[in-house]
Amino acid sequence: MMKALVVDDSSFLRRLICDAMQRLGFNPVEASDGALAVEMARREKPTIILMDMIMPKMDGYEATKILKNDPKTAKIPIIAITSQILPEERKRAEDAGCDAFFEKPYNFWELRETIKELIK
């Protein structure tokens, strides 16, 4: 079964995204901050990562940079899911290495199509 790493400091939002990923046929695993996300991505080898960008300890930008610079995790698609809607945030996420960008609240159907494209 495909795995999705869902990273968000809000347990409520993690649960919502995990539920969505289960409906898409993924086995979701969760991380509450960027440092834990890096550790879990290396251990769990997910098919895709859905990353909140603003979190305590280590933000999603830093976690994405680390994962994209590690040969073991560099090819895992990372989707930024953030409430930061300023245009420069999208560029900052792209510069960090994110493969796609969604604003909260996201459209489930658009997310589904993006995931299909990224993992084919």
PDB file of N, CA and C in Angstrom:
ATOM      1  N   MET A   1       0.844  -1.189   0.000  1.00  0.00           N
ATOM      2  CA  MET A   1       0.000   0.000   0.000  1.00  0.00           C
ATOM      3  C   MET A   1       0.888   1.251   0.000  1.00  0.00           C
ATOM      4  N   MET A   2       0.452   2.262  -0.726  1.00  0.00           N
ATOM      5  CA  MET A   2       1.194   3.522  -0.771  1.00  0.00           C
ATOM      6  C   MET A   2       1.061   4.237   0.574  1.00  0.00           C
ATOM      7  N   LYS A   3       2.141   4.927   0.972  1.00  0.00           N
ATOM      8  CA  LYS A   3       2.150   5.683   2.215  1.00  0.00           C
ATOM      9  C   LYS A   3       2.179   7.171   1.935  1.00  0.00           C
ATOM     10  N   ALA A   4       1.472   7.927   2.755  1.00  0.00           N
ATOM     11  CA  ALA A   4       1.511   9.391   2.698  1.00  0.00           C
ATOM     12  C   ALA A   4       1.953   9.893   4.063  1.00  0.00           C
ATOM     13  N   LEU A   5       2.983  10.727   4.073  1.00  0.00           N
ATOM     14  CA  LEU A   5       3.411  11.376   5.309  1.00  0.00           C
ATOM     15  C   LEU A   5       2.691  12.717   5.390  1.00  0.00           C
ATOM     16  N   VAL A   6       1.889  12.890   6.430  1.00  0.00           N
ATOM     17  CA  VAL A   6       1.094  14.101   6.635  1.00  0.00           C
ATOM     18  C   VAL A   6       1.734  14.887   7.780  1.00  0.00           C
ATOM     19  N   VAL A   7       2.204  16.098   7.458  1.00  0.00           N
ATOM     20  CA  VAL A   7       2.948  16.899   8.429  1.00  0.00           C
ATOM     21  C   VAL A   7       2.194  18.202   8.707  1.00  0.00           C
ATOM     22  N   ASP A   8       1.772  18.377   9.946  1.00  0.00           N
ATOM     23  CA  ASP A   8       1.085  19.614  10.356  1.00  0.00           C
ATOM     24  C   ASP A   8       1.144  19.689  11.869  1.00  0.00           C
ATOM     25  N   ASP A   9       1.323  20.882  12.409  1.00  0.00           N
ATOM     26  CA  ASP A   9       1.362  21.013  13.863  1.00  0.00           C
ATOM     27  C   ASP A   9      -0.033  20.963  14.480  1.00  0.00           C
ATOM     28  N   SER A  10      -1.072  21.062  13.683  1.00  0.00           N
ATOM     29  CA  SER A  10      -2.442  20.955  14.178  1.00  0.00           C
ATOM     30  C   SER A  10      -2.918  19.505  14.053  1.00  0.00           C
ATOM     31  N   SER A  11      -3.218  18.877  15.189  1.00  0.00           N
ATOM     32  CA  SER A  11      -3.689  17.484  15.148  1.00  0.00           C
ATOM     33  C   SER A  11      -5.027  17.397  14.411  1.00  0.00           C
ATOM     34  N   PHE A  12      -5.856  18.422  14.529  1.00  0.00           N
ATOM     35  CA  PHE A  12      -7.139  18.441  13.827  1.00  0.00           C
ATOM     36  C   PHE A  12      -6.926  18.432  12.314  1.00  0.00           C
ATOM     37  N   LEU A  13      -6.042  19.297  11.821  1.00  0.00           N
ATOM     38  CA  LEU A  13      -5.797  19.347  10.379  1.00  0.00           C
ATOM     39  C   LEU A  13      -5.093  18.090   9.879  1.00  0.00           C
ATOM     40  N   ARG A  14      -4.195  17.525  10.690  1.00  0.00           N
ATOM     41  CA  ARG A  14      -3.562  16.251  10.313  1.00  0.00           C
ATOM     42  C   ARG A  14      -4.625  15.183  10.126  1.00  0.00           C
ATOM     43  N   ARG A  15      -5.575  15.130  11.055  1.00  0.00           N
ATOM     44  CA  ARG A  15      -6.634  14.118  10.977  1.00  0.00           C
ATOM     45  C   ARG A  15      -7.457  14.295   9.696  1.00  0.00           C
ATOM     46  N   LEU A  16      -7.809  15.537   9.359  1.00  0.00           N
ATOM     47  CA  LEU A  16      -8.580  15.793   8.136  1.00  0.00           C
ATOM     48  C   LEU A  16      -7.816  15.331   6.895  1.00  0.00           C
ATOM     49  N   ILE A  17      -6.532  15.673   6.827  1.00  0.00           N
ATOM     50  CA  ILE A  17      -5.727  15.304   5.661  1.00  0.00           C
ATOM     51  C   ILE A  17      -5.509  13.791   5.633  1.00  0.00           C
ATOM     52  N   CYS A  18      -5.298  13.179   6.799  1.00  0.00           N
ATOM     53  CA  CYS A  18      -5.148  11.720   6.843  1.00  0.00           C
ATOM     54  C   CYS A  18      -6.413  11.029   6.337  1.00  0.00           C
ATOM     55  N   ASP A  19      -7.564  11.523   6.743  1.00  0.00           N
ATOM     56  CA  ASP A  19      -8.833  10.958   6.261  1.00  0.00           C
ATOM     57  C   ASP A  19      -8.927  11.063   4.746  1.00  0.00           C
ATOM     58  N   ALA A  20      -8.549  12.219   4.202  1.00  0.00           N
ATOM     59  CA  ALA A  20      -8.580  12.409   2.749  1.00  0.00           C
ATOM     60  C   ALA A  20      -7.619  11.442   2.069  1.00  0.00           C
ATOM     61  N   MET A  21      -6.436  11.266   2.633  1.00  0.00           N
ATOM     62  CA  MET A  21      -5.448  10.372   2.023  1.00  0.00           C
ATOM     63  C   MET A  21      -5.914   8.920   2.070  1.00  0.00           C
ATOM     64  N   GLN A  22      -6.598   8.527   3.142  1.00  0.00           N
ATOM     65  CA  GLN A  22      -7.146   7.171   3.211  1.00  0.00           C
ATOM     66  C   GLN A  22      -8.170   6.956   2.108  1.00  0.00           C
ATOM     67  N   ARG A  23      -8.992   7.962   1.844  1.00  0.00           N
ATOM     68  CA  ARG A  23      -9.991   7.850   0.772  1.00  0.00           C
ATOM     69  C   ARG A  23      -9.330   7.702  -0.585  1.00  0.00           C
ATOM     70  N   LEU A  24      -8.096   8.189  -0.688  1.00  0.00           N
ATOM     71  CA  LEU A  24      -7.362   8.078  -1.953  1.00  0.00           C
ATOM     72  C   LEU A  24      -6.516   6.806  -2.025  1.00  0.00           C
ATOM     73  N   GLY A  25      -6.644   5.947  -1.016  1.00  0.00           N
ATOM     74  CA  GLY A  25      -5.951   4.671  -1.044  1.00  0.00           C
ATOM     75  C   GLY A  25      -4.568   4.664  -0.413  1.00  0.00           C
ATOM     76  N   PHE A  26      -4.250   5.682   0.368  1.00  0.00           N
ATOM     77  CA  PHE A  26      -2.949   5.762   1.030  1.00  0.00           C
ATOM     78  C   PHE A  26      -3.055   5.318   2.478  1.00  0.00           C
ATOM     79  N   ASN A  27      -1.958   4.811   3.004  1.00  0.00           N
ATOM     80  CA  ASN A  27      -1.820   4.556   4.428  1.00  0.00           C
ATOM     81  C   ASN A  27      -1.106   5.781   4.999  1.00  0.00           C
ATOM     82  N   PRO A  28      -1.811   6.666   5.712  1.00  0.00           N
ATOM     83  CA  PRO A  28      -1.157   7.883   6.218  1.00  0.00           C
ATOM     84  C   PRO A  28      -0.369   7.643   7.502  1.00  0.00           C
ATOM     85  N   VAL A  29       0.779   8.302   7.573  1.00  0.00           N
ATOM     86  CA  VAL A  29       1.558   8.381   8.799  1.00  0.00           C
ATOM     87  C   VAL A  29       1.702   9.863   9.108  1.00  0.00           C
ATOM     88  N   GLU A  30       1.848  10.204  10.392  1.00  0.00           N
ATOM     89  CA  GLU A  30       1.767  11.608  10.796  1.00  0.00           C
ATOM     90  C   GLU A  30       3.032  12.105  11.479  1.00  0.00           C
ATOM     91  N   ALA A  31       3.305  13.394  11.274  1.00  0.00           N
ATOM     92  CA  ALA A  31       4.370  14.094  11.988  1.00  0.00           C
ATOM     93  C   ALA A  31       3.846  15.476  12.366  1.00  0.00           C
ATOM     94  N   SER A  32       4.243  15.947  13.555  1.00  0.00           N
ATOM     95  CA  SER A  32       3.721  17.218  14.062  1.00  0.00           C
ATOM     96  C   SER A  32       4.673  18.396  13.867  1.00  0.00           C
ATOM     97  N   ASP A  33       5.884  18.138  13.342  1.00  0.00           N
ATOM     98  CA  ASP A  33       6.809  19.233  13.060  1.00  0.00           C
ATOM     99  C   ASP A  33       7.808  18.774  11.998  1.00  0.00           C
ATOM    100  N   GLY A  34       8.580  19.708  11.500  1.00  0.00           N
ATOM    101  CA  GLY A  34       9.504  19.418  10.418  1.00  0.00           C
ATOM    102  C   GLY A  34      10.610  18.451  10.781  1.00  0.00           C
ATOM    103  N   ALA A  35      11.133  18.555  12.007  1.00  0.00           N
ATOM    104  CA  ALA A  35      12.212  17.658  12.431  1.00  0.00           C
ATOM    105  C   ALA A  35      11.736  16.207  12.453  1.00  0.00           C
ATOM    106  N   LEU A  36      10.540  16.006  12.992  1.00  0.00           N
ATOM    107  CA  LEU A  36       9.955  14.663  13.014  1.00  0.00           C
ATOM    108  C   LEU A  36       9.641  14.197  11.590  1.00  0.00           C
ATOM    109  N   ALA A  37       9.224  15.119  10.740  1.00  0.00           N
ATOM    110  CA  ALA A  37       8.931  14.775   9.340  1.00  0.00           C
ATOM    111  C   ALA A  37      10.172  14.233   8.631  1.00  0.00           C
ATOM    112  N   VAL A  38      11.312  14.870   8.848  1.00  0.00           N
ATOM    113  CA  VAL A  38      12.560  14.409   8.228  1.00  0.00           C
ATOM    114  C   VAL A  38      12.883  12.999   8.708  1.00  0.00           C
ATOM    115  N   GLU A  39      12.801  12.795  10.006  1.00  0.00           N
ATOM    116  CA  GLU A  39      13.080  11.479  10.594  1.00  0.00           C
ATOM    117  C   GLU A  39      12.134  10.416  10.031  1.00  0.00           C
ATOM    118  N   MET A  40      10.841  10.732   9.995  1.00  0.00           N
ATOM    119  CA  MET A  40       9.843   9.766   9.530  1.00  0.00           C
ATOM    120  C   MET A  40       9.963   9.494   8.037  1.00  0.00           C
ATOM    121  N   ALA A  41      10.266  10.517   7.242  1.00  0.00           N
ATOM    122  CA  ALA A  41      10.416  10.318   5.805  1.00  0.00           C
ATOM    123  C   ALA A  41      11.563   9.345   5.524  1.00  0.00           C
ATOM    124  N   ARG A  42      12.641   9.485   6.259  1.00  0.00           N
ATOM    125  CA  ARG A  42      13.796   8.590   6.083  1.00  0.00           C
ATOM    126  C   ARG A  42      13.452   7.162   6.516  1.00  0.00           C
ATOM    127  N   ARG A  43      12.671   7.027   7.570  1.00  0.00           N
ATOM    128  CA  ARG A  43      12.327   5.704   8.096  1.00  0.00           C
ATOM    129  C   ARG A  43      11.179   5.045   7.328  1.00  0.00           C
ATOM    130  N   GLU A  44      10.127   5.812   7.040  1.00  0.00           N
ATOM    131  CA  GLU A  44       8.902   5.251   6.461  1.00  0.00           C
ATOM    132  C   GLU A  44       8.914   5.157   4.933  1.00  0.00           C
ATOM    133  N   LYS A  45       9.762   5.935   4.276  1.00  0.00           N
ATOM    134  CA  LYS A  45       9.843   5.966   2.805  1.00  0.00           C
ATOM    135  C   LYS A  45       8.452   6.150   2.161  1.00  0.00           C
ATOM    136  N   PRO A  46       7.785   7.289   2.464  1.00  0.00           N
ATOM    137  CA  PRO A  46       6.435   7.503   1.927  1.00  0.00           C
ATOM    138  C   PRO A  46       6.445   7.723   0.415  1.00  0.00           C
ATOM    139  N   THR A  47       5.308   7.485  -0.193  1.00  0.00           N
ATOM    140  CA  THR A  47       5.110   7.730  -1.623  1.00  0.00           C
ATOM    141  C   THR A  47       5.023   9.221  -1.881  1.00  0.00           C
ATOM    142  N   ILE A  48       4.430   9.946  -0.919  1.00  0.00           N
ATOM    143  CA  ILE A  48       4.222  11.396  -1.050  1.00  0.00           C
ATOM    144  C   ILE A  48       4.212  12.024   0.346  1.00  0.00           C
ATOM    145  N   ILE A  49       4.560  13.312   0.398  1.00  0.00           N
ATOM    146  CA  ILE A  49       4.547  14.050   1.658  1.00  0.00           C
ATOM    147  C   ILE A  49       3.670  15.285   1.490  1.00  0.00           C
ATOM    148  N   LEU A  50       2.753  15.499   2.437  1.00  0.00           N
ATOM    149  CA  LEU A  50       1.933  16.705   2.476  1.00  0.00           C
ATOM    150  C   LEU A  50       2.424  17.516   3.663  1.00  0.00           C
ATOM    151  N   MET A  51       3.020  18.680   3.379  1.00  0.00           N
ATOM    152  CA  MET A  51       3.803  19.425   4.365  1.00  0.00           C
ATOM    153  C   MET A  51       3.206  20.796   4.660  1.00  0.00           C
ATOM    154  N   ASP A  52       2.845  21.002   5.933  1.00  0.00           N
ATOM    155  CA  ASP A  52       2.519  22.351   6.394  1.00  0.00           C
ATOM    156  C   ASP A  52       3.832  23.127   6.392  1.00  0.00           C
ATOM    157  N   MET A  53       3.792  24.410   6.112  1.00  0.00           N
ATOM    158  CA  MET A  53       5.027  25.168   6.005  1.00  0.00           C
ATOM    159  C   MET A  53       5.366  25.943   7.282  1.00  0.00           C
ATOM    160  N   ILE A  54       4.368  26.310   8.077  1.00  0.00           N
ATOM    161  CA  ILE A  54       4.603  27.088   9.295  1.00  0.00           C
ATOM    162  C   ILE A  54       4.355  26.189  10.504  1.00  0.00           C
ATOM    163  N   MET A  55       5.453  25.781  11.169  1.00  0.00           N
ATOM    164  CA  MET A  55       5.365  24.889  12.328  1.00  0.00           C
ATOM    165  C   MET A  55       6.471  25.238  13.316  1.00  0.00           C
ATOM    166  N   PRO A  56       6.279  24.862  14.584  1.00  0.00           N
ATOM    167  CA  PRO A  56       7.350  25.068  15.564  1.00  0.00           C
ATOM    168  C   PRO A  56       8.482  24.064  15.349  1.00  0.00           C
ATOM    169  N   LYS A  57       9.565  24.230  16.078  1.00  0.00           N
ATOM    170  CA  LYS A  57      10.772  23.403  16.030  1.00  0.00           C
ATOM    171  C   LYS A  57      11.488  23.547  14.699  1.00  0.00           C
ATOM    172  N   MET A  58      10.937  22.977  13.638  1.00  0.00           N
ATOM    173  CA  MET A  58      11.494  23.132  12.293  1.00  0.00           C
ATOM    174  C   MET A  58      10.325  23.329  11.335  1.00  0.00           C
ATOM    175  N   ASP A  59      10.369  24.412  10.546  1.00  0.00           N
ATOM    176  CA  ASP A  59       9.258  24.664   9.627  1.00  0.00           C
ATOM    177  C   ASP A  59       9.348  23.763   8.386  1.00  0.00           C
ATOM    178  N   GLY A  60       8.303  23.807   7.593  1.00  0.00           N
ATOM    179  CA  GLY A  60       8.228  22.974   6.402  1.00  0.00           C
ATOM    180  C   GLY A  60       9.239  23.351   5.333  1.00  0.00           C
ATOM    181  N   TYR A  61       9.633  24.612   5.291  1.00  0.00           N
ATOM    182  CA  TYR A  61      10.631  25.046   4.307  1.00  0.00           C
ATOM    183  C   TYR A  61      11.963  24.348   4.574  1.00  0.00           C
ATOM    184  N   GLU A  62      12.399  24.385   5.825  1.00  0.00           N
ATOM    185  CA  GLU A  62      13.676  23.767   6.202  1.00  0.00           C
ATOM    186  C   GLU A  62      13.617  22.246   6.038  1.00  0.00           C
ATOM    187  N   ALA A  63      12.511  21.641   6.484  1.00  0.00           N
ATOM    188  CA  ALA A  63      12.355  20.191   6.357  1.00  0.00           C
ATOM    189  C   ALA A  63      12.400  19.772   4.886  1.00  0.00           C
ATOM    190  N   THR A  64      11.739  20.534   4.024  1.00  0.00           N
ATOM    191  CA  THR A  64      11.731  20.219   2.594  1.00  0.00           C
ATOM    192  C   THR A  64      13.140  20.318   2.016  1.00  0.00           C
ATOM    193  N   LYS A  65      13.864  21.363   2.368  1.00  0.00           N
ATOM    194  CA  LYS A  65      15.244  21.502   1.876  1.00  0.00           C
ATOM    195  C   LYS A  65      16.093  20.307   2.275  1.00  0.00           C
ATOM    196  N   ILE A  66      15.984  19.880   3.528  1.00  0.00           N
ATOM    197  CA  ILE A  66      16.760  18.731   4.008  1.00  0.00           C
ATOM    198  C   ILE A  66      16.391  17.474   3.227  1.00  0.00           C
ATOM    199  N   LEU A  67      15.084  17.238   3.065  1.00  0.00           N
ATOM    200  CA  LEU A  67      14.634  16.030   2.362  1.00  0.00           C
ATOM    201  C   LEU A  67      15.038  16.038   0.894  1.00  0.00           C
ATOM    202  N   LYS A  68      14.963  17.196   0.248  1.00  0.00           N
ATOM    203  CA  LYS A  68      15.304  17.274  -1.175  1.00  0.00           C
ATOM    204  C   LYS A  68      16.812  17.205  -1.413  1.00  0.00           C
ATOM    205  N   ASN A  69      17.620  17.464  -0.375  1.00  0.00           N
ATOM    206  CA  ASN A  69      19.073  17.367  -0.496  1.00  0.00           C
ATOM    207  C   ASN A  69      19.622  16.024  -0.029  1.00  0.00           C
ATOM    208  N   ASP A  70      18.746  15.135   0.398  1.00  0.00           N
ATOM    209  CA  ASP A  70      19.147  13.803   0.839  1.00  0.00           C
ATOM    210  C   ASP A  70      18.829  12.812  -0.282  1.00  0.00           C
ATOM    211  N   PRO A  71      19.835  12.123  -0.837  1.00  0.00           N
ATOM    212  CA  PRO A  71      19.582  11.191  -1.945  1.00  0.00           C
ATOM    213  C   PRO A  71      18.528  10.130  -1.626  1.00  0.00           C
ATOM    214  N   LYS A  72      18.355   9.778  -0.339  1.00  0.00           N
ATOM    215  CA  LYS A  72      17.371   8.755   0.037  1.00  0.00           C
ATOM    216  C   LYS A  72      15.933   9.258  -0.039  1.00  0.00           C
ATOM    217  N   THR A  73      15.751  10.572   0.046  1.00  0.00           N
ATOM    218  CA  THR A  73      14.388  11.125   0.073  1.00  0.00           C
ATOM    219  C   THR A  73      14.140  12.171  -1.021  1.00  0.00           C
ATOM    220  N   ALA A  74      15.133  12.474  -1.805  1.00  0.00           N
ATOM    221  CA  ALA A  74      15.046  13.577  -2.772  1.00  0.00           C
ATOM    222  C   ALA A  74      13.934  13.403  -3.808  1.00  0.00           C
ATOM    223  N   LYS A  75      13.614  12.169  -4.149  1.00  0.00           N
ATOM    224  CA  LYS A  75      12.622  11.934  -5.207  1.00  0.00           C
ATOM    225  C   LYS A  75      11.180  11.863  -4.695  1.00  0.00           C
ATOM    226  N   ILE A  76      10.989  11.924  -3.380  1.00  0.00           N
ATOM    227  CA  ILE A  76       9.627  11.881  -2.832  1.00  0.00           C
ATOM    228  C   ILE A  76       8.947  13.225  -3.108  1.00  0.00           C
ATOM    229  N   PRO A  77       7.807  13.203  -3.819  1.00  0.00           N
ATOM    230  CA  PRO A  77       7.099  14.473  -4.057  1.00  0.00           C
ATOM    231  C   PRO A  77       6.602  15.072  -2.741  1.00  0.00           C
ATOM    232  N   ILE A  78       6.762  16.390  -2.629  1.00  0.00           N
ATOM    233  CA  ILE A  78       6.300  17.116  -1.441  1.00  0.00           C
ATOM    234  C   ILE A  78       5.308  18.184  -1.875  1.00  0.00           C
ATOM    235  N   ILE A  79       4.129  18.143  -1.280  1.00  0.00           N
ATOM    236  CA  ILE A  79       3.101  19.147  -1.537  1.00  0.00           C
ATOM    237  C   ILE A  79       3.017  20.065  -0.326  1.00  0.00           C
ATOM    238  N   ALA A  80       3.242  21.356  -0.547  1.00  0.00           N
ATOM    239  CA  ALA A  80       3.073  22.348   0.508  1.00  0.00           C
ATOM    240  C   ALA A  80       1.583  22.597   0.694  1.00  0.00           C
ATOM    241  N   ILE A  81       1.126  22.504   1.934  1.00  0.00           N
ATOM    242  CA  ILE A  81      -0.266  22.851   2.256  1.00  0.00           C
ATOM    243  C   ILE A  81      -0.176  23.869   3.379  1.00  0.00           C
ATOM    244  N   THR A  82      -0.537  25.116   3.070  1.00  0.00           N
ATOM    245  CA  THR A  82      -0.310  26.188   4.035  1.00  0.00           C
ATOM    246  C   THR A  82      -1.433  27.213   4.034  1.00  0.00           C
ATOM    247  N   SER A  83      -1.553  27.903   5.146  1.00  0.00           N
ATOM    248  CA  SER A  83      -2.524  29.002   5.227  1.00  0.00           C
ATOM    249  C   SER A  83      -1.869  30.322   4.826  1.00  0.00           C
ATOM    250  N   GLN A  84      -0.574  30.286   4.508  1.00  0.00           N
ATOM    251  CA  GLN A  84       0.151  31.479   4.057  1.00  0.00           C
ATOM    252  C   GLN A  84      -0.177  31.709   2.581  1.00  0.00           C
ATOM    253  N   ILE A  85      -0.952  32.751   2.280  1.00  0.00           N
ATOM    254  CA  ILE A  85      -1.441  32.926   0.911  1.00  0.00           C
ATOM    255  C   ILE A  85      -0.739  34.039   0.142  1.00  0.00           C
ATOM    256  N   LEU A  86       0.298  34.617   0.711  1.00  0.00           N
ATOM    257  CA  LEU A  86       1.027  35.660  -0.006  1.00  0.00           C
ATOM    258  C   LEU A  86       1.773  35.051  -1.179  1.00  0.00           C
ATOM    259  N   PRO A  87       1.834  35.751  -2.313  1.00  0.00           N
ATOM    260  CA  PRO A  87       2.500  35.193  -3.498  1.00  0.00           C
ATOM    261  C   PRO A  87       3.942  34.762  -3.240  1.00  0.00           C
ATOM    262  N   GLU A  88       4.641  35.495  -2.398  1.00  0.00           N
ATOM    263  CA  GLU A  88       6.035  35.121  -2.133  1.00  0.00           C
ATOM    264  C   GLU A  88       6.145  33.787  -1.382  1.00  0.00           C
ATOM    265  N   GLU A  89       5.083  33.357  -0.694  1.00  0.00           N
ATOM    266  CA  GLU A  89       5.113  32.070   0.007  1.00  0.00           C
ATOM    267  C   GLU A  89       5.156  30.910  -0.985  1.00  0.00           C
ATOM    268  N   ARG A  90       4.426  31.041  -2.085  1.00  0.00           N
ATOM    269  CA  ARG A  90       4.452  30.007  -3.118  1.00  0.00           C
ATOM    270  C   ARG A  90       5.875  29.880  -3.668  1.00  0.00           C
ATOM    271  N   LYS A  91       6.517  31.015  -3.956  1.00  0.00           N
ATOM    272  CA  LYS A  91       7.887  31.003  -4.481  1.00  0.00           C
ATOM    273  C   LYS A  91       8.842  30.424  -3.440  1.00  0.00           C
ATOM    274  N   ARG A  92       8.656  30.811  -2.193  1.00  0.00           N
ATOM    275  CA  ARG A  92       9.515  30.293  -1.124  1.00  0.00           C
ATOM    276  C   ARG A  92       9.386  28.770  -1.012  1.00  0.00           C
ATOM    277  N   ALA A  93       8.163  28.250  -1.142  1.00  0.00           N
ATOM    278  CA  ALA A  93       7.940  26.797  -1.094  1.00  0.00           C
ATOM    279  C   ALA A  93       8.596  26.115  -2.296  1.00  0.00           C
ATOM    280  N   GLU A  94       8.442  26.710  -3.477  1.00  0.00           N
ATOM    281  CA  GLU A  94       9.092  26.158  -4.684  1.00  0.00           C
ATOM    282  C   GLU A  94      10.607  26.168  -4.521  1.00  0.00           C
ATOM    283  N   ASP A  95      11.153  27.272  -4.018  1.00  0.00           N
ATOM    284  CA  ASP A  95      12.602  27.375  -3.816  1.00  0.00           C
ATOM    285  C   ASP A  95      13.118  26.335  -2.822  1.00  0.00           C
ATOM    286  N   ALA A  96      12.301  25.978  -1.855  1.00  0.00           N
ATOM    287  CA  ALA A  96      12.685  24.960  -0.869  1.00  0.00           C
ATOM    288  C   ALA A  96      12.693  23.570  -1.492  1.00  0.00           C
ATOM    289  N   GLY A  97      11.922  23.401  -2.585  1.00  0.00           N
ATOM    290  CA  GLY A  97      11.873  22.107  -3.263  1.00  0.00           C
ATOM    291  C   GLY A  97      10.502  21.476  -3.350  1.00  0.00           C
ATOM    292  N   CYS A  98       9.457  22.180  -2.898  1.00  0.00           N
ATOM    293  CA  CYS A  98       8.105  21.615  -2.980  1.00  0.00           C
ATOM    294  C   CYS A  98       7.698  21.427  -4.439  1.00  0.00           C
ATOM    295  N   ASP A  99       6.993  20.331  -4.684  1.00  0.00           N
ATOM    296  CA  ASP A  99       6.570  19.986  -6.043  1.00  0.00           C
ATOM    297  C   ASP A  99       5.205  20.572  -6.391  1.00  0.00           C
ATOM    298  N   ALA A 100       4.448  20.977  -5.379  1.00  0.00           N
ATOM    299  CA  ALA A 100       3.133  21.593  -5.595  1.00  0.00           C
ATOM    300  C   ALA A 100       2.802  22.427  -4.363  1.00  0.00           C
ATOM    301  N   PHE A 101       1.788  23.288  -4.488  1.00  0.00           N
ATOM    302  CA  PHE A 101       1.447  24.240  -3.435  1.00  0.00           C
ATOM    303  C   PHE A 101      -0.069  24.351  -3.339  1.00  0.00           C
ATOM    304  N   PHE A 102      -0.608  24.155  -2.144  1.00  0.00           N
ATOM    305  CA  PHE A 102      -2.042  24.316  -1.910  1.00  0.00           C
ATOM    306  C   PHE A 102      -2.249  25.220  -0.711  1.00  0.00           C
ATOM    307  N   GLU A 103      -3.258  26.081  -0.825  1.00  0.00           N
ATOM    308  CA  GLU A 103      -3.651  26.945   0.285  1.00  0.00           C
ATOM    309  C   GLU A 103      -4.747  26.253   1.081  1.00  0.00           C
ATOM    310  N   LYS A 104      -4.725  26.434   2.412  1.00  0.00           N
ATOM    311  CA  LYS A 104      -5.812  25.960   3.267  1.00  0.00           C
ATOM    312  C   LYS A 104      -6.930  26.976   3.204  1.00  0.00           C
ATOM    313  N   PRO A 105      -8.157  26.582   3.100  1.00  0.00           N
ATOM    314  CA  PRO A 105      -8.591  25.210   2.878  1.00  0.00           C
ATOM    315  C   PRO A 105      -8.352  24.815   1.424  1.00  0.00           C
ATOM    316  N   TYR A 106      -7.954  23.575   1.208  1.00  0.00           N
ATOM    317  CA  TYR A 106      -7.648  23.105  -0.143  1.00  0.00           C
ATOM    318  C   TYR A 106      -8.865  22.413  -0.746  1.00  0.00           C
ATOM    319  N   ASN A 107      -8.868  22.307  -2.065  1.00  0.00           N
ATOM    320  CA  ASN A 107      -9.922  21.601  -2.784  1.00  0.00           C
ATOM    321  C   ASN A 107      -9.499  20.133  -2.906  1.00  0.00           C
ATOM    322  N   PHE A 108     -10.273  19.234  -2.328  1.00  0.00           N
ATOM    323  CA  PHE A 108      -9.940  17.808  -2.315  1.00  0.00           C
ATOM    324  C   PHE A 108      -9.723  17.259  -3.722  1.00  0.00           C
ATOM    325  N   TRP A 109     -10.579  17.635  -4.660  1.00  0.00           N
ATOM    326  CA  TRP A 109     -10.490  17.077  -6.017  1.00  0.00           C
ATOM    327  C   TRP A 109      -9.234  17.579  -6.725  1.00  0.00           C
ATOM    328  N   GLU A 110      -8.883  18.827  -6.515  1.00  0.00           N
ATOM    329  CA  GLU A 110      -7.642  19.349  -7.108  1.00  0.00           C
ATOM    330  C   GLU A 110      -6.424  18.671  -6.485  1.00  0.00           C
ATOM    331  N   LEU A 111      -6.478  18.470  -5.185  1.00  0.00           N
ATOM    332  CA  LEU A 111      -5.388  17.779  -4.503  1.00  0.00           C
ATOM    333  C   LEU A 111      -5.245  16.362  -5.053  1.00  0.00           C
ATOM    334  N   ARG A 112      -6.349  15.676  -5.216  1.00  0.00           N
ATOM    335  CA  ARG A 112      -6.329  14.313  -5.759  1.00  0.00           C
ATOM    336  C   ARG A 112      -5.657  14.269  -7.122  1.00  0.00           C
ATOM    337  N   GLU A 113      -6.030  15.202  -8.003  1.00  0.00           N
ATOM    338  CA  GLU A 113      -5.446  15.230  -9.349  1.00  0.00           C
ATOM    339  C   GLU A 113      -3.952  15.538  -9.307  1.00  0.00           C
ATOM    340  N   THR A 114      -3.550  16.444  -8.436  1.00  0.00           N
ATOM    341  CA  THR A 114      -2.138  16.777  -8.292  1.00  0.00           C
ATOM    342  C   THR A 114      -1.344  15.574  -7.794  1.00  0.00           C
ATOM    343  N   ILE A 115      -1.890  14.872  -6.813  1.00  0.00           N
ATOM    344  CA  ILE A 115      -1.210  13.677  -6.292  1.00  0.00           C
ATOM    345  C   ILE A 115      -1.054  12.641  -7.393  1.00  0.00           C
ATOM    346  N   LYS A 116      -2.110  12.412  -8.170  1.00  0.00           N
ATOM    347  CA  LYS A 116      -2.030  11.443  -9.273  1.00  0.00           C
ATOM    348  C   LYS A 116      -0.891  11.805 -10.229  1.00  0.00           C
ATOM    349  N   GLU A 117      -0.801  13.083 -10.561  1.00  0.00           N
ATOM    350  CA  GLU A 117       0.260  13.545 -11.474  1.00  0.00           C
ATOM    351  C   GLU A 117       1.652  13.332 -10.882  1.00  0.00           C
ATOM    352  N   LEU A 118       1.799  13.627  -9.601  1.00  0.00           N
ATOM    353  CA  LEU A 118       3.121  13.567  -8.968  1.00  0.00           C
ATOM    354  C   LEU A 118       3.626  12.144  -8.749  1.00  0.00           C
ATOM    355  N   ILE A 119       2.727  11.182  -8.582  1.00  0.00           N
ATOM    356  CA  ILE A 119       3.191   9.825  -8.271  1.00  0.00           C
ATOM    357  C   ILE A 119       3.162   8.876  -9.459  1.00  0.00           C
ATOM    358  N   LYS A 120       2.751   9.359 -10.621  1.00  0.00           N
ATOM    359  CA  LYS A 120       2.687   8.410 -11.758  1.00  0.00           C
ATOM    360  C   LYS A 120       4.048   8.071 -12.315  1.00  0.00           C
TER     361      LYS A 120
END
